[in-house]
């Protein structure tokens, strides 16, 4: 595992821990922790352009079948980051308090 991959994994684990309780039932951001986490990820993950394939925006790994324009706007990247975080939080929510360690 490369150093960058380890760093990325640690960042995601940290923010999933912070965000585990930061969403309401509809998945809307309601917690200042959520906004802080999004800002922190955007700061430390940095921007991934076409030269960073298979990653785009703020660390989104392109999945099979996904298509993105060669250049995303910052707003599109932030929306993609928020979508990814919501999906990951929902994935581990069934673990209740144990989801915090993931």
Protein backbone atom coordinates (compact mmCIF):
# COMPACT_ATOMS: atom_id res chain seq x y z
CA UNK A 1 0.00 0.00 0.00
CA UNK A 2 1.47 3.33 -1.01
CA UNK A 3 1.85 6.20 1.40
CA UNK A 4 -0.82 8.20 -0.46
CA UNK A 5 -3.27 5.28 -0.29
CA UNK A 6 -2.66 4.90 3.45
CA UNK A 7 -3.20 8.63 3.95
CA UNK A 8 -6.42 8.56 1.96
CA UNK A 9 -7.70 5.55 3.93
CA UNK A 10 -6.90 7.21 7.23
CA UNK A 11 -8.66 10.43 6.20
CA UNK A 12 -11.81 8.56 5.16
CA UNK A 13 -11.83 6.55 8.39
CA UNK A 14 -11.42 9.70 10.47
CA UNK A 15 -14.22 11.54 8.75
CA UNK A 16 -16.58 8.60 8.78
CA UNK A 17 -16.06 8.48 12.52
CA UNK A 18 -16.84 12.19 12.84
CA UNK A 19 -19.80 12.05 10.48
CA UNK A 20 -21.54 8.92 11.74
CA UNK A 21 -24.17 10.95 13.59
CA UNK A 22 -24.11 14.09 11.47
CA UNK A 23 -27.03 13.34 9.15
CA UNK A 24 -30.75 13.22 9.72
CA UNK A 25 -33.01 10.48 8.32
CA UNK A 26 -33.24 12.19 4.93
CA UNK A 27 -29.46 12.43 4.65
CA UNK A 28 -29.37 16.22 4.71
CA UNK A 29 -26.51 18.01 6.41
CA UNK A 30 -27.78 19.30 9.75
CA UNK A 31 -24.63 19.30 11.81
CA UNK A 32 -21.75 21.78 11.84
CA UNK A 33 -19.47 18.74 12.18
CA UNK A 34 -20.62 17.64 8.72
CA UNK A 35 -19.68 21.00 7.20
CA UNK A 36 -16.36 21.01 9.05
CA UNK A 37 -15.57 17.53 7.81
CA UNK A 38 -16.39 18.44 4.21
CA UNK A 39 -14.15 21.52 4.42
CA UNK A 40 -11.35 19.53 6.04
CA UNK A 41 -11.49 16.80 3.39
CA UNK A 42 -11.44 19.42 0.63
CA UNK A 43 -8.40 21.05 2.24
CA UNK A 44 -6.32 17.92 2.83
CA UNK A 45 -7.46 15.65 0.00
CA UNK A 46 -6.75 18.37 -2.55
CA UNK A 47 -8.02 18.42 -6.12
CA UNK A 48 -7.67 15.49 -8.52
CA UNK A 49 -7.66 16.41 -12.19
CA UNK A 50 -7.41 14.17 -15.28
CA UNK A 51 -3.75 13.43 -14.51
CA UNK A 52 -4.82 11.66 -11.28
CA UNK A 53 -7.01 9.03 -12.98
CA UNK A 54 -8.81 6.96 -11.58
CA UNK A 55 -9.50 9.69 -9.00
CA UNK A 56 -11.43 12.90 -9.66
CA UNK A 57 -12.41 15.95 -7.64
CA UNK A 58 -11.71 15.47 -3.91
CA UNK A 59 -10.65 11.81 -3.94
CA UNK A 60 -13.64 10.18 -5.65
CA UNK A 61 -12.53 6.91 -7.22
CA UNK A 62 -14.22 6.45 -10.59
CA UNK A 63 -16.40 3.35 -10.57
CA UNK A 64 -17.04 1.11 -13.58
CA UNK A 65 -19.57 2.79 -15.85
CA UNK A 66 -19.17 6.27 -14.35
CA UNK A 67 -18.40 9.06 -16.78
CA UNK A 68 -17.18 12.52 -15.88
CA UNK A 69 -16.21 15.51 -18.00
CA UNK A 70 -12.46 16.00 -18.28
CA UNK A 71 -12.72 19.02 -16.00
CA UNK A 72 -15.13 19.25 -13.06
CA UNK A 73 -15.92 22.55 -11.38
CA UNK A 74 -15.19 22.99 -7.69
CA UNK A 75 -18.94 23.03 -7.03
CA UNK A 76 -19.40 19.73 -8.90
CA UNK A 77 -16.47 18.26 -6.96
CA UNK A 78 -17.95 19.35 -3.64
CA UNK A 79 -21.33 17.85 -4.58
CA UNK A 80 -19.61 14.59 -5.49
CA UNK A 81 -17.73 14.57 -2.17
CA UNK A 82 -20.95 15.14 -0.21
CA UNK A 83 -22.67 12.35 -2.15
CA UNK A 84 -19.79 9.96 -1.44
CA UNK A 85 -19.78 10.80 2.27
CA UNK A 86 -23.54 10.28 2.56
CA UNK A 87 -23.23 6.88 0.87
CA UNK A 88 -20.42 5.80 3.18
CA UNK A 89 -22.22 7.01 6.30
CA UNK A 90 -25.36 5.14 5.24
CA UNK A 91 -23.31 2.01 4.54
CA UNK A 92 -22.04 1.83 8.12
CA UNK A 93 -25.06 3.28 9.93
CA UNK A 94 -26.52 -0.18 10.60
CA UNK A 95 -23.62 -0.83 12.98
CA UNK A 96 -24.89 1.84 15.35
CA UNK A 97 -22.29 3.02 17.81
CA UNK A 98 -19.77 0.55 16.37
CA UNK A 99 -19.84 2.45 13.10
CA UNK A 100 -17.70 5.05 14.85
CA UNK A 101 -14.68 2.76 14.80
CA UNK A 102 -14.89 2.30 11.06
